[in-house]
N, C-alpha and C. Protein backbone atom coordinates (compact mmCIF):
# COMPACT_ATOMS: atom_id res chain seq x y z
N MET A 1 41.30 155.68 182.25
CA MET A 1 42.31 156.72 182.07
C MET A 1 42.55 156.97 180.58
N PRO A 2 42.69 158.21 180.16
CA PRO A 2 42.95 158.48 178.75
C PRO A 2 44.32 157.96 178.35
N THR A 3 44.40 157.43 177.16
CA THR A 3 45.68 156.91 176.67
C THR A 3 46.39 157.99 175.88
N SER A 4 47.68 158.08 176.04
CA SER A 4 48.44 159.09 175.32
C SER A 4 48.64 158.65 173.87
N ALA A 5 48.78 159.64 172.97
CA ALA A 5 48.97 159.33 171.56
C ALA A 5 50.31 158.63 171.36
N LYS A 6 50.29 157.65 170.49
CA LYS A 6 51.52 156.90 170.22
C LYS A 6 52.48 157.77 169.43
N ARG A 7 53.71 157.90 169.95
CA ARG A 7 54.69 158.75 169.29
C ARG A 7 55.28 158.04 168.08
N GLU A 8 55.41 158.78 166.98
CA GLU A 8 56.01 158.21 165.77
C GLU A 8 57.47 157.90 166.05
N PRO A 9 57.93 156.68 165.70
CA PRO A 9 59.32 156.32 165.99
C PRO A 9 60.31 157.21 165.25
N LEU A 10 61.41 157.47 165.90
CA LEU A 10 62.45 158.31 165.30
C LEU A 10 63.33 157.45 164.41
N THR A 11 63.42 157.81 163.15
CA THR A 11 64.25 157.08 162.19
C THR A 11 65.08 158.09 161.39
N GLY A 12 66.12 157.57 160.73
CA GLY A 12 66.93 158.43 159.90
C GLY A 12 66.12 159.06 158.77
N ASP A 13 65.22 158.27 158.17
CA ASP A 13 64.40 158.80 157.09
C ASP A 13 63.50 159.93 157.58
N ARG A 14 62.95 159.78 158.77
CA ARG A 14 62.08 160.83 159.31
C ARG A 14 62.87 162.11 159.55
N LEU A 15 64.07 161.97 160.06
CA LEU A 15 64.92 163.14 160.30
C LEU A 15 65.28 163.85 159.00
N LEU A 16 65.62 163.07 157.98
CA LEU A 16 66.02 163.67 156.71
C LEU A 16 64.84 164.31 155.99
N THR A 17 63.66 163.72 156.13
CA THR A 17 62.47 164.33 155.55
C THR A 17 62.22 165.70 156.19
N ALA A 18 62.39 165.77 157.51
CA ALA A 18 62.22 167.05 158.21
C ALA A 18 63.29 168.04 157.78
N ALA A 19 64.53 167.55 157.59
CA ALA A 19 65.62 168.43 157.18
C ALA A 19 65.38 169.00 155.79
N VAL A 20 64.89 168.19 154.87
CA VAL A 20 64.60 168.65 153.52
C VAL A 20 63.51 169.72 153.55
N SER A 21 62.50 169.50 154.39
CA SER A 21 61.41 170.48 154.52
C SER A 21 61.93 171.82 155.02
N ILE A 22 62.84 171.77 156.00
CA ILE A 22 63.42 173.00 156.52
C ILE A 22 64.23 173.71 155.44
N ALA A 23 65.04 172.95 154.70
CA ALA A 23 65.84 173.55 153.63
C ALA A 23 64.96 174.18 152.56
N ASP A 24 63.86 173.53 152.23
CA ASP A 24 62.96 174.05 151.20
C ASP A 24 62.32 175.37 151.61
N THR A 25 61.98 175.49 152.89
CA THR A 25 61.24 176.67 153.35
C THR A 25 62.14 177.77 153.90
N GLU A 26 63.29 177.39 154.47
CA GLU A 26 64.13 178.39 155.14
C GLU A 26 65.55 178.49 154.57
N GLY A 27 65.89 177.59 153.68
CA GLY A 27 67.25 177.58 153.14
C GLY A 27 68.12 176.57 153.86
N VAL A 28 69.13 176.09 153.18
CA VAL A 28 69.95 175.02 153.75
C VAL A 28 70.75 175.49 154.96
N ALA A 29 71.02 176.80 155.05
CA ALA A 29 71.76 177.32 156.21
C ALA A 29 70.98 177.11 157.51
N ALA A 30 69.66 176.98 157.40
CA ALA A 30 68.83 176.79 158.59
C ALA A 30 68.84 175.35 159.09
N VAL A 31 69.40 174.44 158.31
CA VAL A 31 69.40 173.02 158.69
C VAL A 31 70.54 172.75 159.66
N THR A 32 70.20 172.62 160.93
CA THR A 32 71.15 172.28 161.98
C THR A 32 70.59 171.11 162.77
N MET A 33 71.46 170.47 163.53
CA MET A 33 71.01 169.34 164.34
C MET A 33 69.92 169.79 165.32
N ARG A 34 70.12 170.95 165.91
CA ARG A 34 69.15 171.47 166.88
C ARG A 34 67.81 171.80 166.19
N ARG A 35 67.89 172.41 165.01
CA ARG A 35 66.66 172.79 164.30
C ARG A 35 65.87 171.56 163.85
N VAL A 36 66.57 170.54 163.38
CA VAL A 36 65.90 169.31 162.93
C VAL A 36 65.29 168.58 164.12
N SER A 37 66.01 168.53 165.23
CA SER A 37 65.48 167.85 166.42
C SER A 37 64.20 168.53 166.90
N ALA A 38 64.19 169.87 166.86
CA ALA A 38 62.99 170.60 167.27
C ALA A 38 61.82 170.30 166.34
N ALA A 39 62.11 170.15 165.05
CA ALA A 39 61.05 169.89 164.07
C ALA A 39 60.38 168.54 164.29
N VAL A 40 61.13 167.56 164.79
CA VAL A 40 60.54 166.23 165.02
C VAL A 40 60.18 166.01 166.49
N GLY A 41 60.45 167.01 167.33
CA GLY A 41 60.02 166.94 168.72
C GLY A 41 60.85 166.06 169.62
N VAL A 42 62.18 166.07 169.40
CA VAL A 42 63.06 165.28 170.26
C VAL A 42 64.24 166.15 170.70
N GLU A 43 64.99 165.66 171.68
CA GLU A 43 66.20 166.35 172.10
C GLU A 43 67.27 166.19 171.02
N ALA A 44 68.12 167.19 170.89
CA ALA A 44 69.14 167.17 169.85
C ALA A 44 70.04 165.94 169.95
N MET A 45 70.34 165.50 171.17
CA MET A 45 71.23 164.35 171.35
C MET A 45 70.65 163.09 170.75
N SER A 46 69.32 163.03 170.62
CA SER A 46 68.69 161.83 170.05
C SER A 46 69.07 161.63 168.58
N LEU A 47 69.39 162.74 167.90
CA LEU A 47 69.72 162.64 166.48
C LEU A 47 71.02 161.88 166.25
N TYR A 48 71.92 161.94 167.23
CA TYR A 48 73.24 161.37 167.02
C TYR A 48 73.22 159.84 166.98
N HIS A 49 72.11 159.23 167.35
CA HIS A 49 71.97 157.78 167.20
C HIS A 49 71.74 157.42 165.73
N HIS A 50 71.30 158.40 164.94
CA HIS A 50 70.98 158.15 163.54
C HIS A 50 71.91 158.89 162.58
N LEU A 51 72.39 160.06 163.00
CA LEU A 51 73.28 160.87 162.18
C LEU A 51 74.41 161.36 163.07
N PRO A 52 75.65 160.96 162.78
CA PRO A 52 76.76 161.25 163.71
C PRO A 52 77.15 162.72 163.82
N GLY A 53 76.67 163.56 162.92
CA GLY A 53 77.04 164.97 163.01
C GLY A 53 76.49 165.76 161.84
N LYS A 54 76.85 167.05 161.78
CA LYS A 54 76.31 167.96 160.77
C LYS A 54 76.65 167.52 159.35
N GLU A 55 77.89 167.05 159.14
CA GLU A 55 78.28 166.64 157.79
C GLU A 55 77.47 165.44 157.33
N ALA A 56 77.22 164.51 158.24
CA ALA A 56 76.38 163.36 157.90
C ALA A 56 74.96 163.79 157.58
N LEU A 57 74.49 164.81 158.29
CA LEU A 57 73.16 165.36 158.02
C LEU A 57 73.10 165.96 156.62
N LEU A 58 74.13 166.72 156.23
CA LEU A 58 74.16 167.32 154.91
C LEU A 58 74.31 166.26 153.81
N ASP A 59 75.15 165.26 154.07
CA ASP A 59 75.25 164.15 153.11
C ASP A 59 73.89 163.47 152.94
N GLY A 60 73.19 163.30 154.05
CA GLY A 60 71.87 162.68 154.00
C GLY A 60 70.87 163.51 153.23
N LEU A 61 70.96 164.83 153.37
CA LEU A 61 70.10 165.73 152.60
C LEU A 61 70.29 165.51 151.10
N VAL A 62 71.54 165.47 150.68
CA VAL A 62 71.84 165.27 149.26
C VAL A 62 71.31 163.93 148.79
N ASP A 63 71.59 162.88 149.55
CA ASP A 63 71.17 161.54 149.14
C ASP A 63 69.65 161.45 149.06
N THR A 64 68.96 162.12 149.97
CA THR A 64 67.49 162.10 149.96
C THR A 64 66.93 162.74 148.70
N VAL A 65 67.49 163.87 148.30
CA VAL A 65 67.02 164.55 147.08
C VAL A 65 67.35 163.70 145.85
N VAL A 66 68.55 163.13 145.81
CA VAL A 66 68.91 162.31 144.64
C VAL A 66 68.04 161.05 144.58
N MET A 67 67.69 160.48 145.72
CA MET A 67 66.78 159.34 145.72
C MET A 67 65.41 159.74 145.18
N GLU A 68 65.00 160.98 145.45
CA GLU A 68 63.75 161.48 144.88
C GLU A 68 63.84 161.54 143.36
N VAL A 69 65.00 161.94 142.85
CA VAL A 69 65.22 161.95 141.40
C VAL A 69 65.08 160.53 140.85
N VAL A 70 65.73 159.57 141.50
CA VAL A 70 65.67 158.17 141.06
C VAL A 70 64.22 157.68 141.03
N SER A 71 63.49 158.01 142.07
CA SER A 71 62.09 157.58 142.17
C SER A 71 61.23 158.18 141.07
N GLN A 72 61.40 159.48 140.82
CA GLN A 72 60.60 160.14 139.80
C GLN A 72 60.93 159.65 138.40
N ILE A 73 62.20 159.36 138.15
CA ILE A 73 62.58 158.79 136.85
C ILE A 73 61.91 157.44 136.65
N SER A 74 61.89 156.62 137.69
CA SER A 74 61.25 155.30 137.59
C SER A 74 59.76 155.44 137.29
N ILE A 75 59.11 156.38 137.96
CA ILE A 75 57.67 156.60 137.74
C ILE A 75 57.40 157.04 136.30
N VAL A 76 58.20 157.99 135.82
CA VAL A 76 58.01 158.51 134.47
C VAL A 76 58.26 157.43 133.42
N GLU A 77 59.30 156.62 133.63
CA GLU A 77 59.64 155.62 132.63
C GLU A 77 58.65 154.45 132.63
N GLU A 78 58.08 154.15 133.78
CA GLU A 78 57.08 153.09 133.83
C GLU A 78 55.81 153.47 133.08
N SER A 79 55.50 154.76 133.09
CA SER A 79 54.27 155.23 132.45
C SER A 79 54.49 155.77 131.05
N GLY A 80 55.76 155.89 130.63
CA GLY A 80 56.08 156.47 129.33
C GLY A 80 56.36 155.42 128.28
N ALA A 81 56.43 155.87 127.04
CA ALA A 81 56.70 154.98 125.92
C ALA A 81 58.17 154.60 125.88
N ASP A 82 58.47 153.48 125.24
CA ASP A 82 59.85 153.04 125.05
C ASP A 82 60.46 153.88 123.93
N LEU A 83 61.52 154.65 124.24
CA LEU A 83 62.09 155.59 123.29
C LEU A 83 63.51 155.20 122.93
N GLY A 84 64.07 155.87 121.96
CA GLY A 84 65.49 155.68 121.65
C GLY A 84 66.35 156.30 122.73
N TRP A 85 67.66 156.10 122.64
CA TRP A 85 68.55 156.52 123.72
C TRP A 85 68.53 158.04 123.92
N GLN A 86 68.46 158.80 122.84
CA GLN A 86 68.49 160.26 122.98
C GLN A 86 67.24 160.77 123.71
N ALA A 87 66.07 160.33 123.27
CA ALA A 87 64.83 160.79 123.90
C ALA A 87 64.71 160.26 125.32
N THR A 88 65.21 159.06 125.57
CA THR A 88 65.17 158.50 126.91
C THR A 88 65.99 159.34 127.88
N LEU A 89 67.21 159.69 127.47
CA LEU A 89 68.07 160.49 128.34
C LEU A 89 67.50 161.89 128.53
N ARG A 90 66.96 162.46 127.47
CA ARG A 90 66.38 163.79 127.58
C ARG A 90 65.24 163.79 128.61
N ARG A 91 64.40 162.77 128.55
CA ARG A 91 63.28 162.67 129.50
C ARG A 91 63.79 162.50 130.92
N ARG A 92 64.82 161.69 131.10
CA ARG A 92 65.36 161.49 132.44
C ARG A 92 65.95 162.77 133.01
N PHE A 93 66.74 163.47 132.19
CA PHE A 93 67.41 164.67 132.68
C PHE A 93 66.39 165.75 133.04
N LEU A 94 65.36 165.90 132.23
CA LEU A 94 64.34 166.92 132.51
C LEU A 94 63.49 166.52 133.70
N THR A 95 63.30 165.23 133.92
CA THR A 95 62.61 164.77 135.13
C THR A 95 63.44 165.12 136.36
N ALA A 96 64.74 164.90 136.28
CA ALA A 96 65.64 165.26 137.39
C ALA A 96 65.59 166.76 137.65
N ARG A 97 65.52 167.54 136.59
CA ARG A 97 65.49 168.99 136.77
C ARG A 97 64.21 169.43 137.48
N THR A 98 63.10 168.79 137.16
CA THR A 98 61.84 169.12 137.83
C THR A 98 61.97 168.92 139.34
N VAL A 99 62.66 167.86 139.74
CA VAL A 99 62.89 167.61 141.17
C VAL A 99 63.78 168.70 141.75
N MET A 100 64.87 169.03 141.06
CA MET A 100 65.81 170.02 141.58
C MET A 100 65.18 171.39 141.73
N LEU A 101 64.25 171.74 140.84
CA LEU A 101 63.58 173.02 140.96
C LEU A 101 62.71 173.11 142.21
N CYS A 102 62.33 171.96 142.76
CA CYS A 102 61.59 171.92 144.04
C CYS A 102 62.54 172.10 145.21
N HIS A 103 63.83 171.89 144.98
CA HIS A 103 64.84 172.00 146.04
C HIS A 103 66.01 172.83 145.51
N PRO A 104 65.82 174.12 145.27
CA PRO A 104 66.84 174.93 144.60
C PRO A 104 68.14 175.07 145.37
N TRP A 105 68.15 174.72 146.63
CA TRP A 105 69.37 174.74 147.43
C TRP A 105 70.26 173.53 147.14
N ALA A 106 69.70 172.48 146.57
CA ALA A 106 70.41 171.21 146.46
C ALA A 106 71.64 171.26 145.54
N PRO A 107 71.58 171.89 144.35
CA PRO A 107 72.77 171.87 143.50
C PRO A 107 74.02 172.42 144.16
N VAL A 108 73.89 173.54 144.86
CA VAL A 108 75.07 174.11 145.53
C VAL A 108 75.57 173.17 146.62
N LEU A 109 74.64 172.56 147.37
CA LEU A 109 75.05 171.64 148.43
C LEU A 109 75.73 170.40 147.84
N ILE A 110 75.20 169.87 146.75
CA ILE A 110 75.82 168.71 146.11
C ILE A 110 77.26 169.02 145.72
N ALA A 111 77.48 170.23 145.21
CA ALA A 111 78.82 170.62 144.77
C ALA A 111 79.82 170.70 145.93
N THR A 112 79.33 170.82 147.17
CA THR A 112 80.24 170.93 148.31
C THR A 112 80.60 169.58 148.92
N ARG A 113 79.92 168.53 148.51
CA ARG A 113 80.14 167.23 149.13
C ARG A 113 81.44 166.60 148.61
N THR A 114 82.13 165.88 149.48
CA THR A 114 83.41 165.26 149.10
C THR A 114 83.23 163.80 148.71
N SER A 115 82.02 163.28 148.82
CA SER A 115 81.75 161.90 148.41
C SER A 115 80.51 161.87 147.53
N ILE A 116 80.42 160.85 146.70
CA ILE A 116 79.28 160.70 145.80
C ILE A 116 78.11 160.12 146.59
N PRO A 117 76.92 160.73 146.53
CA PRO A 117 75.77 160.15 147.22
C PRO A 117 75.47 158.76 146.65
N PRO A 118 75.25 157.75 147.50
CA PRO A 118 75.03 156.38 147.01
C PRO A 118 73.93 156.29 145.96
N SER A 119 72.88 157.08 146.10
CA SER A 119 71.76 157.01 145.16
C SER A 119 72.14 157.48 143.76
N ALA A 120 73.21 158.28 143.64
CA ALA A 120 73.60 158.80 142.32
C ALA A 120 74.14 157.70 141.42
N PHE A 121 74.69 156.64 142.00
CA PHE A 121 75.25 155.57 141.18
C PHE A 121 74.18 154.94 140.30
N ALA A 122 72.95 154.81 140.83
CA ALA A 122 71.87 154.22 140.04
C ALA A 122 71.55 155.07 138.82
N ILE A 123 71.62 156.41 138.98
CA ILE A 123 71.34 157.31 137.86
C ILE A 123 72.39 157.15 136.77
N TYR A 124 73.66 157.15 137.15
CA TYR A 124 74.72 157.06 136.16
C TYR A 124 74.86 155.65 135.59
N GLU A 125 74.53 154.63 136.37
CA GLU A 125 74.50 153.26 135.84
C GLU A 125 73.43 153.14 134.76
N GLY A 126 72.25 153.72 135.02
CA GLY A 126 71.18 153.69 134.03
C GLY A 126 71.53 154.48 132.78
N LEU A 127 72.21 155.61 132.98
CA LEU A 127 72.64 156.44 131.85
C LEU A 127 73.60 155.64 130.97
N LEU A 128 74.61 155.03 131.59
CA LEU A 128 75.61 154.28 130.83
C LEU A 128 74.97 153.07 130.14
N ALA A 129 74.07 152.38 130.82
CA ALA A 129 73.39 151.22 130.22
C ALA A 129 72.63 151.64 128.97
N THR A 130 71.96 152.78 129.02
CA THR A 130 71.21 153.28 127.87
C THR A 130 72.14 153.60 126.71
N LEU A 131 73.29 154.20 127.01
CA LEU A 131 74.25 154.50 125.96
C LEU A 131 74.80 153.22 125.32
N ILE A 132 75.15 152.23 126.15
CA ILE A 132 75.69 150.98 125.62
C ILE A 132 74.65 150.27 124.76
N GLU A 133 73.42 150.25 125.23
CA GLU A 133 72.35 149.64 124.44
C GLU A 133 72.09 150.40 123.15
N GLY A 134 72.44 151.70 123.14
CA GLY A 134 72.28 152.52 121.95
C GLY A 134 73.44 152.42 120.98
N GLY A 135 74.44 151.58 121.30
CA GLY A 135 75.55 151.36 120.37
C GLY A 135 76.87 152.00 120.76
N PHE A 136 76.92 152.68 121.91
CA PHE A 136 78.17 153.29 122.35
C PHE A 136 79.14 152.22 122.84
N SER A 137 80.43 152.48 122.66
CA SER A 137 81.45 151.67 123.34
C SER A 137 81.59 152.19 124.76
N TYR A 138 82.25 151.42 125.64
CA TYR A 138 82.47 151.91 127.00
C TYR A 138 83.39 153.13 126.98
N HIS A 139 84.32 153.17 126.04
CA HIS A 139 85.22 154.32 125.95
C HIS A 139 84.44 155.59 125.62
N LEU A 140 83.55 155.51 124.61
CA LEU A 140 82.76 156.67 124.25
C LEU A 140 81.73 156.98 125.33
N GLY A 141 81.20 155.94 125.98
CA GLY A 141 80.28 156.15 127.09
C GLY A 141 80.93 156.93 128.22
N HIS A 142 82.21 156.60 128.49
CA HIS A 142 82.95 157.31 129.53
C HIS A 142 83.08 158.79 129.18
N ARG A 143 83.36 159.08 127.93
CA ARG A 143 83.47 160.47 127.52
C ARG A 143 82.12 161.18 127.60
N ALA A 144 81.06 160.45 127.29
CA ALA A 144 79.72 161.05 127.38
C ALA A 144 79.39 161.41 128.83
N LEU A 145 79.76 160.55 129.78
CA LEU A 145 79.51 160.84 131.19
C LEU A 145 80.20 162.14 131.60
N HIS A 146 81.43 162.32 131.14
CA HIS A 146 82.14 163.56 131.45
C HIS A 146 81.46 164.75 130.80
N SER A 147 80.99 164.58 129.58
CA SER A 147 80.35 165.69 128.87
C SER A 147 79.06 166.12 129.54
N PHE A 148 78.28 165.15 130.01
CA PHE A 148 77.01 165.47 130.66
C PHE A 148 77.22 166.09 132.04
N GLY A 149 78.30 165.74 132.71
CA GLY A 149 78.57 166.31 134.03
C GLY A 149 77.44 166.07 135.00
N SER A 150 76.90 167.15 135.58
CA SER A 150 75.83 167.03 136.57
C SER A 150 74.44 167.05 135.95
N MET A 151 74.34 167.13 134.62
CA MET A 151 73.03 167.23 133.99
C MET A 151 72.11 166.03 134.29
N PRO A 152 72.63 164.81 134.45
CA PRO A 152 71.75 163.70 134.84
C PRO A 152 71.06 163.93 136.18
N LEU A 153 71.62 164.82 137.01
CA LEU A 153 71.00 165.15 138.29
C LEU A 153 70.08 166.37 138.17
N GLY A 154 70.00 166.96 136.97
CA GLY A 154 69.03 168.02 136.75
C GLY A 154 69.54 169.43 136.83
N PHE A 155 70.85 169.62 136.86
CA PHE A 155 71.39 170.98 136.91
C PHE A 155 72.75 171.00 136.25
N VAL A 156 73.26 172.21 136.00
CA VAL A 156 74.60 172.36 135.45
C VAL A 156 75.40 173.25 136.39
N ARG A 157 76.68 173.00 136.45
CA ARG A 157 77.56 173.84 137.23
C ARG A 157 78.41 174.66 136.29
N GLY A 158 78.34 175.96 136.41
CA GLY A 158 79.13 176.84 135.57
C GLY A 158 80.57 176.91 136.04
N LEU A 159 81.41 177.55 135.21
CA LEU A 159 82.80 177.73 135.59
C LEU A 159 82.92 178.53 136.87
N PHE A 160 82.10 179.57 136.99
CA PHE A 160 82.03 180.37 138.21
C PHE A 160 80.61 180.30 138.72
N SER A 161 80.42 179.73 139.90
CA SER A 161 79.08 179.54 140.45
C SER A 161 78.99 180.18 141.82
N PRO A 162 78.41 181.36 141.91
CA PRO A 162 78.25 182.00 143.22
C PRO A 162 77.50 181.08 144.17
N THR A 163 77.90 181.07 145.42
CA THR A 163 77.26 180.19 146.38
C THR A 163 75.93 180.76 146.83
N ALA A 164 75.07 179.86 147.31
CA ALA A 164 73.77 180.30 147.80
C ALA A 164 73.97 181.28 148.95
N GLY A 165 73.21 182.34 148.94
CA GLY A 165 73.31 183.31 150.02
C GLY A 165 74.21 184.49 149.71
N ASP A 166 74.94 184.42 148.57
CA ASP A 166 75.76 185.57 148.19
C ASP A 166 74.85 186.78 147.96
N ASP A 167 75.33 187.94 148.33
CA ASP A 167 74.53 189.14 148.12
C ASP A 167 74.44 189.46 146.63
N ASP A 168 73.27 189.96 146.20
CA ASP A 168 73.12 190.41 144.82
C ASP A 168 73.99 191.64 144.60
N PRO A 169 74.54 191.78 143.39
CA PRO A 169 75.37 192.97 143.12
C PRO A 169 74.54 194.24 143.26
N SER A 170 75.15 195.26 143.83
CA SER A 170 74.47 196.55 143.97
C SER A 170 74.54 197.29 142.65
N GLU A 171 73.79 198.41 142.57
CA GLU A 171 73.83 199.23 141.36
C GLU A 171 75.25 199.75 141.11
N GLU A 172 75.96 200.06 142.20
CA GLU A 172 77.34 200.54 142.05
C GLU A 172 78.24 199.44 141.50
N ASP A 173 78.00 198.20 141.97
CA ASP A 173 78.79 197.08 141.47
C ASP A 173 78.57 196.88 139.98
N PHE A 174 77.28 196.93 139.56
CA PHE A 174 76.97 196.75 138.15
C PHE A 174 77.57 197.88 137.30
N ALA A 175 77.53 199.09 137.84
CA ALA A 175 78.08 200.22 137.10
C ALA A 175 79.58 200.04 136.88
N ALA A 176 80.27 199.58 137.93
CA ALA A 176 81.71 199.36 137.81
C ALA A 176 82.00 198.22 136.84
N MET A 177 81.20 197.15 136.92
CA MET A 177 81.38 196.02 136.01
C MET A 177 81.11 196.43 134.56
N ALA A 178 80.05 197.24 134.36
CA ALA A 178 79.68 197.64 133.01
C ALA A 178 80.79 198.45 132.35
N GLU A 179 81.49 199.24 133.17
CA GLU A 179 82.57 200.06 132.61
C GLU A 179 83.77 199.19 132.25
N ALA A 180 84.09 198.23 133.10
CA ALA A 180 85.28 197.40 132.87
C ALA A 180 84.99 196.22 131.93
N LEU A 181 83.76 195.65 132.02
CA LEU A 181 83.41 194.44 131.27
C LEU A 181 82.04 194.62 130.62
N PRO A 182 81.94 195.48 129.63
CA PRO A 182 80.61 195.84 129.10
C PRO A 182 79.83 194.67 128.51
N HIS A 183 80.50 193.77 127.77
CA HIS A 183 79.76 192.68 127.13
C HIS A 183 79.32 191.62 128.14
N LEU A 184 80.20 191.26 129.05
CA LEU A 184 79.83 190.28 130.07
C LEU A 184 78.71 190.80 130.96
N THR A 185 78.78 192.07 131.32
CA THR A 185 77.75 192.66 132.17
C THR A 185 76.40 192.70 131.45
N SER A 186 76.42 193.07 130.17
CA SER A 186 75.17 193.12 129.41
C SER A 186 74.56 191.73 129.26
N MET A 187 75.42 190.72 129.04
CA MET A 187 74.94 189.35 128.93
C MET A 187 74.29 188.89 130.23
N MET A 188 74.96 189.14 131.35
CA MET A 188 74.42 188.74 132.65
C MET A 188 73.08 189.42 132.92
N ALA A 189 73.02 190.73 132.67
CA ALA A 189 71.79 191.48 132.93
C ALA A 189 70.65 190.95 132.07
N SER A 190 70.95 190.63 130.81
CA SER A 190 69.93 190.12 129.90
C SER A 190 69.41 188.77 130.35
N GLU A 191 70.32 187.86 130.73
CA GLU A 191 69.92 186.52 131.15
C GLU A 191 69.12 186.55 132.45
N ILE A 192 69.54 187.38 133.38
CA ILE A 192 68.82 187.49 134.66
C ILE A 192 67.40 188.00 134.43
N GLN A 193 67.27 188.97 133.54
CA GLN A 193 65.96 189.56 133.25
C GLN A 193 65.05 188.55 132.56
N ILE A 194 65.59 187.80 131.59
CA ILE A 194 64.79 186.87 130.80
C ILE A 194 64.33 185.68 131.64
N HIS A 195 65.21 185.19 132.52
CA HIS A 195 64.96 183.91 133.16
C HIS A 195 64.61 184.01 134.64
N GLN A 196 64.06 185.10 135.07
CA GLN A 196 63.67 185.22 136.47
C GLN A 196 62.64 184.15 136.82
N GLY A 197 62.92 183.40 137.91
CA GLY A 197 61.94 182.45 138.43
C GLY A 197 62.10 181.02 137.96
N ASP A 198 62.95 180.74 136.94
CA ASP A 198 63.08 179.35 136.50
C ASP A 198 64.53 178.90 136.53
N THR A 199 65.30 179.47 137.44
CA THR A 199 66.73 179.18 137.46
C THR A 199 67.15 178.41 138.71
N LEU A 200 68.28 177.70 138.55
CA LEU A 200 68.97 177.09 139.68
C LEU A 200 70.33 177.77 139.83
N GLY A 201 70.41 178.99 139.37
CA GLY A 201 71.65 179.75 139.34
C GLY A 201 71.56 180.69 138.15
N TRP A 202 72.33 181.77 138.16
CA TRP A 202 72.16 182.78 137.11
C TRP A 202 72.47 182.23 135.73
N CYS A 203 73.26 181.14 135.65
CA CYS A 203 73.61 180.56 134.35
C CYS A 203 73.01 179.17 134.21
N ASP A 204 71.89 178.92 134.88
CA ASP A 204 71.26 177.60 134.81
C ASP A 204 69.75 177.74 134.74
N SER A 205 69.27 178.41 133.70
CA SER A 205 67.83 178.50 133.46
C SER A 205 67.38 177.24 132.74
N ARG A 206 66.08 177.02 132.67
CA ARG A 206 65.56 175.85 131.95
C ARG A 206 65.92 175.92 130.47
N ASP A 207 65.81 177.11 129.87
CA ASP A 207 66.17 177.25 128.46
C ASP A 207 67.62 176.87 128.23
N GLU A 208 68.49 177.37 129.11
CA GLU A 208 69.92 177.08 128.99
C GLU A 208 70.18 175.58 129.17
N PHE A 209 69.50 174.99 130.14
CA PHE A 209 69.65 173.56 130.40
C PHE A 209 69.24 172.74 129.18
N GLU A 210 68.06 173.04 128.62
CA GLU A 210 67.56 172.28 127.46
C GLU A 210 68.43 172.52 126.23
N PHE A 211 68.90 173.74 126.04
CA PHE A 211 69.77 174.03 124.89
C PHE A 211 71.04 173.19 124.97
N THR A 212 71.67 173.19 126.14
CA THR A 212 72.92 172.43 126.32
C THR A 212 72.66 170.94 126.16
N LEU A 213 71.56 170.46 126.77
CA LEU A 213 71.23 169.04 126.68
C LEU A 213 71.01 168.61 125.23
N ASP A 214 70.21 169.38 124.50
CA ASP A 214 69.92 169.02 123.11
C ASP A 214 71.18 169.10 122.24
N LEU A 215 72.06 170.04 122.54
CA LEU A 215 73.30 170.15 121.79
C LEU A 215 74.18 168.92 122.01
N LEU A 216 74.26 168.46 123.27
CA LEU A 216 75.06 167.27 123.58
C LEU A 216 74.44 166.02 122.98
N LEU A 217 73.14 165.89 123.07
CA LEU A 217 72.48 164.69 122.52
C LEU A 217 72.58 164.66 120.99
């Protein structure tokens, strides 16, 4: 008798890998318990043994991406030269950004979470250790952590950050804005035109990220 193919065991990591893939290809709004269960070929109720609900699924998505950042930083640092604190942090932050650009939905989702993803602690612990070894006091290190904000995770959050899925302004909207706010409108139009394709938000292009990072360092 023919033997049936052995089914891959269902694990939390397998579910989250499928969820990340869905978010990458269809957007984070497409990530639902039902959609993820279909992607791994199980009934939706089976997911609840590993993830208690939608919020846990979203928390897991964030933690999975941040763990990817941690992993990539480790790989880069193992193969790279031993640098001073400024160059070390610059390399780490830009490595994190490379990961985030593969998952452009992640920054907005991270900003919605009410708890810190466990994997993020390793990033900030490493950041603080590098500063202390570079001669910073803990007091100044604390201020540096606040100054860097989300940059160790590879992105920046602006004062006003439109959420993913917001409609692009229409020509009428831009015309009204240009009349009321000519300089702000011209700045936005210029930045959008210059940085098409390399952004994690209209005010988070790679050039902007590197400029801010180098200024802080």
